[in-house]
Full PDB file with SEQRES, HELIX, SHEET, SSBOND, CRYST1, ORIGX, SCALE, CONECT and MASTER records, all heavy atoms in Angstrom:
SEQRES   1 A   34  ALA HIS HIS ARG LEU LEU THR SER GLY TRP CYS SER GLY          
SEQRES   2 A   34  ALA LEU VAL ASP GLU ASP GLY ALA ARG CYS MET ILE GLY          
SEQRES   3 A   34  ALA ILE ARG ALA GLU ALA GLY GLY                              
HELIX    1 AA1 HIS A    2  SER A    8  1                                   7    
HELIX    2 AA2 MET A   24  ALA A   32  1                                   9    
CRYST1    1.000    1.000    1.000  90.00  90.00  90.00 P 1           1          
ORIGX1      1.000000  0.000000  0.000000        0.00000                         
ORIGX2      0.000000  1.000000  0.000000        0.00000                         
ORIGX3      0.000000  0.000000  1.000000        0.00000                         
SCALE1      1.000000  0.000000  0.000000        0.00000                         
SCALE2      0.000000  1.000000  0.000000        0.00000                         
SCALE3      0.000000  0.000000  1.000000        0.00000                         
ATOM      1  N   ALA A   1       2.184   5.661  -5.991  1.00  0.00           N  
ATOM      2  CA  ALA A   1       2.316   4.469  -5.140  1.00  0.00           C  
ATOM      3  C   ALA A   1       3.534   4.608  -4.228  1.00  0.00           C  
ATOM      4  O   ALA A   1       3.487   4.241  -3.050  1.00  0.00           O  
ATOM      5  CB  ALA A   1       2.423   3.216  -6.004  1.00  0.00           C  
ATOM      6  N   HIS A   2       4.615   5.129  -4.768  1.00  0.00           N  
ATOM      7  CA  HIS A   2       5.823   5.389  -3.968  1.00  0.00           C  
ATOM      8  C   HIS A   2       5.506   6.343  -2.820  1.00  0.00           C  
ATOM      9  O   HIS A   2       5.861   6.104  -1.663  1.00  0.00           O  
ATOM     10  CB  HIS A   2       6.908   5.961  -4.889  1.00  0.00           C  
ATOM     11  CG  HIS A   2       8.127   6.439  -4.182  1.00  0.00           C  
ATOM     12  ND1 HIS A   2       8.375   7.772  -3.950  1.00  0.00           N  
ATOM     13  CD2 HIS A   2       9.164   5.766  -3.633  1.00  0.00           C  
ATOM     14  CE1 HIS A   2       9.515   7.900  -3.303  1.00  0.00           C  
ATOM     15  NE2 HIS A   2      10.015   6.703  -3.094  1.00  0.00           N  
ATOM     16  N   HIS A   3       4.802   7.414  -3.137  1.00  0.00           N  
ATOM     17  CA  HIS A   3       4.449   8.396  -2.113  1.00  0.00           C  
ATOM     18  C   HIS A   3       3.509   7.782  -1.071  1.00  0.00           C  
ATOM     19  O   HIS A   3       3.622   8.061   0.125  1.00  0.00           O  
ATOM     20  CB  HIS A   3       3.805   9.624  -2.760  1.00  0.00           C  
ATOM     21  CG  HIS A   3       3.479  10.698  -1.788  1.00  0.00           C  
ATOM     22  ND1 HIS A   3       4.442  11.468  -1.183  1.00  0.00           N  
ATOM     23  CD2 HIS A   3       2.294  11.112  -1.283  1.00  0.00           C  
ATOM     24  CE1 HIS A   3       3.869  12.313  -0.359  1.00  0.00           C  
ATOM     25  NE2 HIS A   3       2.569  12.121  -0.395  1.00  0.00           N  
ATOM     26  N   ARG A   4       2.601   6.920  -1.507  1.00  0.00           N  
ATOM     27  CA  ARG A   4       1.672   6.266  -0.574  1.00  0.00           C  
ATOM     28  C   ARG A   4       2.441   5.405   0.424  1.00  0.00           C  
ATOM     29  O   ARG A   4       2.134   5.396   1.613  1.00  0.00           O  
ATOM     30  CB  ARG A   4       0.644   5.426  -1.310  1.00  0.00           C  
ATOM     31  CG  ARG A   4      -0.326   4.728  -0.359  1.00  0.00           C  
ATOM     32  CD  ARG A   4      -1.384   3.970  -1.117  1.00  0.00           C  
ATOM     33  NE  ARG A   4      -2.388   4.840  -1.671  1.00  0.00           N  
ATOM     34  CZ  ARG A   4      -3.564   5.093  -1.100  1.00  0.00           C  
ATOM     35  NH1 ARG A   4      -3.857   4.548   0.063  1.00  0.00           N  
ATOM     36  NH2 ARG A   4      -4.432   5.883  -1.678  1.00  0.00           N  
ATOM     37  N   LEU A   5       3.449   4.672  -0.063  1.00  0.00           N  
ATOM     38  CA  LEU A   5       4.241   3.848   0.862  1.00  0.00           C  
ATOM     39  C   LEU A   5       5.008   4.719   1.848  1.00  0.00           C  
ATOM     40  O   LEU A   5       5.164   4.356   3.013  1.00  0.00           O  
ATOM     41  CB  LEU A   5       5.199   2.936   0.104  1.00  0.00           C  
ATOM     42  CG  LEU A   5       4.590   1.749  -0.636  1.00  0.00           C  
ATOM     43  CD1 LEU A   5       5.686   0.855  -1.193  1.00  0.00           C  
ATOM     44  CD2 LEU A   5       3.657   0.945   0.228  1.00  0.00           C  
ATOM     45  N   LEU A   6       5.486   5.860   1.382  1.00  0.00           N  
ATOM     46  CA  LEU A   6       6.219   6.758   2.278  1.00  0.00           C  
ATOM     47  C   LEU A   6       5.322   7.332   3.363  1.00  0.00           C  
ATOM     48  O   LEU A   6       5.740   7.471   4.512  1.00  0.00           O  
ATOM     49  CB  LEU A   6       6.851   7.906   1.483  1.00  0.00           C  
ATOM     50  CG  LEU A   6       8.058   7.574   0.626  1.00  0.00           C  
ATOM     51  CD1 LEU A   6       8.466   8.794  -0.188  1.00  0.00           C  
ATOM     52  CD2 LEU A   6       9.216   7.085   1.464  1.00  0.00           C  
ATOM     53  N   THR A   7       4.089   7.656   3.013  1.00  0.00           N  
ATOM     54  CA  THR A   7       3.211   8.334   3.973  1.00  0.00           C  
ATOM     55  C   THR A   7       2.333   7.381   4.771  1.00  0.00           C  
ATOM     56  O   THR A   7       2.054   7.641   5.935  1.00  0.00           O  
ATOM     57  CB  THR A   7       2.316   9.357   3.250  1.00  0.00           C  
ATOM     58  OG1 THR A   7       1.570   8.689   2.226  1.00  0.00           O  
ATOM     59  CG2 THR A   7       3.149  10.467   2.654  1.00  0.00           C  
ATOM     60  N   SER A   8       1.895   6.273   4.162  1.00  0.00           N  
ATOM     61  CA  SER A   8       0.961   5.376   4.840  1.00  0.00           C  
ATOM     62  C   SER A   8       1.612   4.132   5.405  1.00  0.00           C  
ATOM     63  O   SER A   8       0.992   3.410   6.170  1.00  0.00           O  
ATOM     64  CB  SER A   8      -0.150   4.955   3.874  1.00  0.00           C  
ATOM     65  OG  SER A   8      -0.869   6.078   3.448  1.00  0.00           O  
ATOM     66  N   GLY A   9       2.817   3.840   4.990  1.00  0.00           N  
ATOM     67  CA  GLY A   9       3.521   2.688   5.526  1.00  0.00           C  
ATOM     68  C   GLY A   9       3.576   1.524   4.551  1.00  0.00           C  
ATOM     69  O   GLY A   9       2.801   1.440   3.601  1.00  0.00           O  
ATOM     70  N   TRP A  10       4.504   0.626   4.815  1.00  0.00           N  
ATOM     71  CA  TRP A  10       4.747  -0.538   3.982  1.00  0.00           C  
ATOM     72  C   TRP A  10       4.511  -1.789   4.823  1.00  0.00           C  
ATOM     73  O   TRP A  10       4.753  -1.780   6.033  1.00  0.00           O  
ATOM     74  CB  TRP A  10       6.193  -0.504   3.482  1.00  0.00           C  
ATOM     75  CG  TRP A  10       6.634  -1.771   2.829  1.00  0.00           C  
ATOM     76  CD1 TRP A  10       6.457  -2.123   1.529  1.00  0.00           C  
ATOM     77  CD2 TRP A  10       7.336  -2.853   3.438  1.00  0.00           C  
ATOM     78  NE1 TRP A  10       6.997  -3.364   1.300  1.00  0.00           N  
ATOM     79  CE2 TRP A  10       7.542  -3.836   2.454  1.00  0.00           C  
ATOM     80  CE3 TRP A  10       7.788  -3.101   4.723  1.00  0.00           C  
ATOM     81  CZ2 TRP A  10       8.198  -5.033   2.715  1.00  0.00           C  
ATOM     82  CZ3 TRP A  10       8.438  -4.287   4.981  1.00  0.00           C  
ATOM     83  CH2 TRP A  10       8.643  -5.244   3.983  1.00  0.00           C  
ATOM     84  N   CYS A  11       4.039  -2.840   4.170  1.00  0.00           N  
ATOM     85  CA  CYS A  11       3.873  -4.107   4.869  1.00  0.00           C  
ATOM     86  C   CYS A  11       4.265  -5.240   3.927  1.00  0.00           C  
ATOM     87  O   CYS A  11       4.427  -5.038   2.724  1.00  0.00           O  
ATOM     88  CB  CYS A  11       2.433  -4.299   5.352  1.00  0.00           C  
ATOM     89  SG  CYS A  11       1.225  -4.617   4.056  1.00  0.00           S  
ATOM     90  N   SER A  12       4.410  -6.426   4.479  1.00  0.00           N  
ATOM     91  CA  SER A  12       4.667  -7.611   3.673  1.00  0.00           C  
ATOM     92  C   SER A  12       3.684  -8.689   4.098  1.00  0.00           C  
ATOM     93  O   SER A  12       3.189  -8.685   5.220  1.00  0.00           O  
ATOM     94  CB  SER A  12       6.108  -8.099   3.846  1.00  0.00           C  
ATOM     95  OG  SER A  12       6.324  -8.543   5.163  1.00  0.00           O  
ATOM     96  N   GLY A  13       3.390  -9.588   3.172  1.00  0.00           N  
ATOM     97  CA  GLY A  13       2.496 -10.691   3.484  1.00  0.00           C  
ATOM     98  C   GLY A  13       1.027 -10.397   3.273  1.00  0.00           C  
ATOM     99  O   GLY A  13       0.199 -11.288   3.432  1.00  0.00           O  
ATOM    100  N   ALA A  14       0.669  -9.173   2.934  1.00  0.00           N  
ATOM    101  CA  ALA A  14      -0.728  -8.815   2.691  1.00  0.00           C  
ATOM    102  C   ALA A  14      -0.769  -7.573   1.808  1.00  0.00           C  
ATOM    103  O   ALA A  14       0.189  -6.800   1.767  1.00  0.00           O  
ATOM    104  CB  ALA A  14      -1.446  -8.525   3.997  1.00  0.00           C  
ATOM    105  N   LEU A  15      -1.884  -7.398   1.086  1.00  0.00           N  
ATOM    106  CA  LEU A  15      -2.035  -6.174   0.291  1.00  0.00           C  
ATOM    107  C   LEU A  15      -2.146  -4.957   1.210  1.00  0.00           C  
ATOM    108  O   LEU A  15      -1.546  -3.919   0.945  1.00  0.00           O  
ATOM    109  CB  LEU A  15      -3.275  -6.248  -0.607  1.00  0.00           C  
ATOM    110  CG  LEU A  15      -3.166  -7.151  -1.837  1.00  0.00           C  
ATOM    111  CD1 LEU A  15      -4.502  -7.228  -2.552  1.00  0.00           C  
ATOM    112  CD2 LEU A  15      -2.082  -6.677  -2.766  1.00  0.00           C  
ATOM    113  N   VAL A  16      -2.941  -5.114   2.285  1.00  0.00           N  
ATOM    114  CA  VAL A  16      -3.128  -4.042   3.264  1.00  0.00           C  
ATOM    115  C   VAL A  16      -3.153  -4.686   4.638  1.00  0.00           C  
ATOM    116  O   VAL A  16      -3.845  -5.686   4.844  1.00  0.00           O  
ATOM    117  CB  VAL A  16      -4.464  -3.297   3.029  1.00  0.00           C  
ATOM    118  CG1 VAL A  16      -4.617  -2.154   4.015  1.00  0.00           C  
ATOM    119  CG2 VAL A  16      -4.582  -2.799   1.612  1.00  0.00           C  
ATOM    120  N   ASP A  17      -2.386  -4.133   5.589  1.00  0.00           N  
ATOM    121  CA  ASP A  17      -2.435  -4.690   6.942  1.00  0.00           C  
ATOM    122  C   ASP A  17      -3.468  -3.941   7.781  1.00  0.00           C  
ATOM    123  O   ASP A  17      -4.135  -3.016   7.294  1.00  0.00           O  
ATOM    124  CB  ASP A  17      -1.049  -4.704   7.594  1.00  0.00           C  
ATOM    125  CG  ASP A  17      -0.519  -3.330   7.965  1.00  0.00           C  
ATOM    126  OD1 ASP A  17      -1.231  -2.324   7.762  1.00  0.00           O  
ATOM    127  OD2 ASP A  17       0.607  -3.255   8.467  1.00  0.00           O  
ATOM    128  N   GLU A  18      -3.618  -4.319   9.040  1.00  0.00           N  
ATOM    129  CA  GLU A  18      -4.643  -3.730   9.905  1.00  0.00           C  
ATOM    130  C   GLU A  18      -4.400  -2.258  10.198  1.00  0.00           C  
ATOM    131  O   GLU A  18      -5.319  -1.524  10.562  1.00  0.00           O  
ATOM    132  CB  GLU A  18      -4.773  -4.517  11.212  1.00  0.00           C  
ATOM    133  CG  GLU A  18      -3.525  -4.544  12.075  1.00  0.00           C  
ATOM    134  CD  GLU A  18      -2.533  -5.640  11.692  1.00  0.00           C  
ATOM    135  OE1 GLU A  18      -2.810  -6.450  10.793  1.00  0.00           O  
ATOM    136  OE2 GLU A  18      -1.448  -5.665  12.298  1.00  0.00           O  
ATOM    137  N   ASP A  19      -3.169  -1.773  10.032  1.00  0.00           N  
ATOM    138  CA  ASP A  19      -2.851  -0.363  10.267  1.00  0.00           C  
ATOM    139  C   ASP A  19      -3.006   0.496   9.016  1.00  0.00           C  
ATOM    140  O   ASP A  19      -2.813   1.705   9.071  1.00  0.00           O  
ATOM    141  CB  ASP A  19      -1.422  -0.225  10.795  1.00  0.00           C  
ATOM    142  CG  ASP A  19      -1.236  -0.895  12.136  1.00  0.00           C  
ATOM    143  OD1 ASP A  19      -2.209  -0.924  12.922  1.00  0.00           O  
ATOM    144  OD2 ASP A  19      -0.129  -1.403  12.402  1.00  0.00           O  
ATOM    145  N   GLY A  20      -3.320  -0.141   7.882  1.00  0.00           N  
ATOM    146  CA  GLY A  20      -3.480   0.603   6.631  1.00  0.00           C  
ATOM    147  C   GLY A  20      -2.225   0.651   5.784  1.00  0.00           C  
ATOM    148  O   GLY A  20      -2.227   1.263   4.717  1.00  0.00           O  
ATOM    149  N   ALA A  21      -1.146   0.039   6.250  1.00  0.00           N  
ATOM    150  CA  ALA A  21       0.083  -0.017   5.448  1.00  0.00           C  
ATOM    151  C   ALA A  21      -0.147  -0.975   4.289  1.00  0.00           C  
ATOM    152  O   ALA A  21      -0.943  -1.915   4.379  1.00  0.00           O  
ATOM    153  CB  ALA A  21       1.248  -0.482   6.310  1.00  0.00           C  
ATOM    154  N   ARG A  22       0.541  -0.754   3.185  1.00  0.00           N  
ATOM    155  CA  ARG A  22       0.334  -1.547   1.975  1.00  0.00           C  
ATOM    156  C   ARG A  22       1.642  -2.126   1.467  1.00  0.00           C  
ATOM    157  O   ARG A  22       2.710  -1.586   1.715  1.00  0.00           O  
ATOM    158  CB  ARG A  22      -0.284  -0.687   0.879  1.00  0.00           C  
ATOM    159  CG  ARG A  22      -1.661  -0.175   1.243  1.00  0.00           C  
ATOM    160  CD  ARG A  22      -2.260   0.667   0.145  1.00  0.00           C  
ATOM    161  NE  ARG A  22      -3.582   1.116   0.521  1.00  0.00           N  
ATOM    162  CZ  ARG A  22      -4.701   0.469   0.243  1.00  0.00           C  
ATOM    163  NH1 ARG A  22      -4.655  -0.652  -0.423  1.00  0.00           N  
ATOM    164  NH2 ARG A  22      -5.862   0.956   0.626  1.00  0.00           N  
ATOM    165  N   CYS A  23       1.506  -3.208   0.705  1.00  0.00           N  
ATOM    166  CA  CYS A  23       2.662  -3.757  -0.002  1.00  0.00           C  
ATOM    167  C   CYS A  23       2.796  -2.995  -1.320  1.00  0.00           C  
ATOM    168  O   CYS A  23       2.004  -2.098  -1.618  1.00  0.00           O  
ATOM    169  CB  CYS A  23       2.477  -5.258  -0.247  1.00  0.00           C  
ATOM    170  SG  CYS A  23       1.221  -5.650  -1.471  1.00  0.00           S  
ATOM    171  N   MET A  24       3.774  -3.342  -2.113  1.00  0.00           N  
ATOM    172  CA  MET A  24       4.012  -2.627  -3.368  1.00  0.00           C  
ATOM    173  C   MET A  24       2.799  -2.723  -4.297  1.00  0.00           C  
ATOM    174  O   MET A  24       2.340  -1.711  -4.843  1.00  0.00           O  
ATOM    175  CB  MET A  24       5.268  -3.177  -4.045  1.00  0.00           C  
ATOM    176  CG  MET A  24       6.531  -2.987  -3.224  1.00  0.00           C  
ATOM    177  SD  MET A  24       7.921  -3.954  -3.837  1.00  0.00           S  
ATOM    178  CE  MET A  24       8.524  -2.855  -5.090  1.00  0.00           C  
ATOM    179  N   ILE A  25       2.279  -3.921  -4.482  1.00  0.00           N  
ATOM    180  CA  ILE A  25       1.123  -4.112  -5.364  1.00  0.00           C  
ATOM    181  C   ILE A  25      -0.123  -3.460  -4.746  1.00  0.00           C  
ATOM    182  O   ILE A  25      -0.943  -2.868  -5.461  1.00  0.00           O  
ATOM    183  CB  ILE A  25       0.884  -5.619  -5.647  1.00  0.00           C  
ATOM    184  CG1 ILE A  25       2.029  -6.190  -6.479  1.00  0.00           C  
ATOM    185  CG2 ILE A  25      -0.445  -5.857  -6.331  1.00  0.00           C  
ATOM    186  CD1 ILE A  25       2.134  -5.634  -7.888  1.00  0.00           C  
ATOM    187  N   GLY A  26      -0.265  -3.524  -3.438  1.00  0.00           N  
ATOM    188  CA  GLY A  26      -1.395  -2.877  -2.771  1.00  0.00           C  
ATOM    189  C   GLY A  26      -1.384  -1.372  -2.979  1.00  0.00           C  
ATOM    190  O   GLY A  26      -2.442  -0.756  -3.171  1.00  0.00           O  
ATOM    191  N   ALA A  27      -0.219  -0.770  -2.951  1.00  0.00           N  
ATOM    192  CA  ALA A  27      -0.109   0.674  -3.186  1.00  0.00           C  
ATOM    193  C   ALA A  27      -0.444   1.008  -4.637  1.00  0.00           C  
ATOM    194  O   ALA A  27      -1.139   1.991  -4.916  1.00  0.00           O  
ATOM    195  CB  ALA A  27       1.295   1.158  -2.837  1.00  0.00           C  
ATOM    196  N   ILE A  28       0.029   0.189  -5.577  1.00  0.00           N  
ATOM    197  CA  ILE A  28      -0.289   0.412  -6.994  1.00  0.00           C  
ATOM    198  C   ILE A  28      -1.789   0.272  -7.212  1.00  0.00           C  
ATOM    199  O   ILE A  28      -2.415   1.103  -7.886  1.00  0.00           O  
ATOM    200  CB  ILE A  28       0.509  -0.563  -7.892  1.00  0.00           C  
ATOM    201  CG1 ILE A  28       1.998  -0.200  -7.874  1.00  0.00           C  
ATOM    202  CG2 ILE A  28      -0.033  -0.559  -9.315  1.00  0.00           C  
ATOM    203  CD1 ILE A  28       2.898  -1.206  -8.571  1.00  0.00           C  
ATOM    204  N   ARG A  29      -2.386  -0.767  -6.640  1.00  0.00           N  
ATOM    205  CA  ARG A  29      -3.818  -1.003  -6.807  1.00  0.00           C  
ATOM    206  C   ARG A  29      -4.634   0.158  -6.228  1.00  0.00           C  
ATOM    207  O   ARG A  29      -5.619   0.604  -6.827  1.00  0.00           O  
ATOM    208  CB  ARG A  29      -4.220  -2.311  -6.156  1.00  0.00           C  
ATOM    209  CG  ARG A  29      -5.667  -2.680  -6.396  1.00  0.00           C  
ATOM    210  CD  ARG A  29      -5.947  -4.103  -6.012  1.00  0.00           C  
ATOM    211  NE  ARG A  29      -5.248  -4.982  -6.951  1.00  0.00           N  
ATOM    212  CZ  ARG A  29      -5.001  -6.271  -6.730  1.00  0.00           C  
ATOM    213  NH1 ARG A  29      -5.406  -6.837  -5.610  1.00  0.00           N  
ATOM    214  NH2 ARG A  29      -4.362  -7.000  -7.612  1.00  0.00           N  
ATOM    215  N   ALA A  30      -4.234   0.661  -5.074  1.00  0.00           N  
ATOM    216  CA  ALA A  30      -4.970   1.765  -4.457  1.00  0.00           C  
ATOM    217  C   ALA A  30      -4.872   3.032  -5.293  1.00  0.00           C  
ATOM    218  O   ALA A  30      -5.848   3.786  -5.409  1.00  0.00           O  
ATOM    219  CB  ALA A  30      -4.435   2.031  -3.054  1.00  0.00           C  
ATOM    220  N   GLU A  31      -3.739   3.256  -5.894  1.00  0.00           N  
ATOM    221  CA  GLU A  31      -3.548   4.479  -6.682  1.00  0.00           C  
ATOM    222  C   GLU A  31      -4.077   4.348  -8.109  1.00  0.00           C  
ATOM    223  O   GLU A  31      -4.301   5.351  -8.770  1.00  0.00           O  
ATOM    224  CB  GLU A  31      -2.060   4.860  -6.714  1.00  0.00           C  
ATOM    225  CG  GLU A  31      -1.509   5.283  -5.376  1.00  0.00           C  
ATOM    226  CD  GLU A  31      -2.178   6.539  -4.823  1.00  0.00           C  
ATOM    227  OE1 GLU A  31      -2.617   7.406  -5.615  1.00  0.00           O  
ATOM    228  OE2 GLU A  31      -2.276   6.644  -3.592  1.00  0.00           O  
ATOM    229  N   ALA A  32      -4.295   3.132  -8.588  1.00  0.00           N  
ATOM    230  CA  ALA A  32      -4.795   2.932  -9.950  1.00  0.00           C  
ATOM    231  C   ALA A  32      -6.259   3.310 -10.070  1.00  0.00           C  
ATOM    232  O   ALA A  32      -6.747   3.561 -11.183  1.00  0.00           O  
ATOM    233  CB  ALA A  32      -4.578   1.487 -10.390  1.00  0.00           C  
ATOM    234  N   GLY A  33      -6.975   3.316  -8.968  1.00  0.00           N  
ATOM    235  CA  GLY A  33      -8.369   3.738  -9.001  1.00  0.00           C  
ATOM    236  C   GLY A  33      -9.266   2.814  -9.806  1.00  0.00           C  
ATOM    237  O   GLY A  33     -10.207   3.273 -10.442  1.00  0.00           O  
ATOM    238  N   GLY A  34      -8.970   1.529  -9.829  1.00  0.00           N  
ATOM    239  CA  GLY A  34      -9.817   0.573 -10.522  1.00  0.00           C  
ATOM    240  C   GLY A  34      -9.439   0.332 -11.973  1.00  0.00           C  
ATOM    241  O   GLY A  34     -10.055  -0.500 -12.641  1.00  0.00           O  
TER     242      GLY A  34                                                      
MASTER        0    0    0    2    0    0    0    6  241    1    0    3          
END                                                                             
C-alpha cells in the first residue's frame, strides 16, 4: 500500500480520485485483493 501511494499518488476525501490516486485505506483495500 505504501508503494502504491508512492507510484500512483495520494488523495484525500475519497478512496480513489479521478486520476487514480488513493487514500490510505483505498491503497490498503486495493492491495488486499478482497
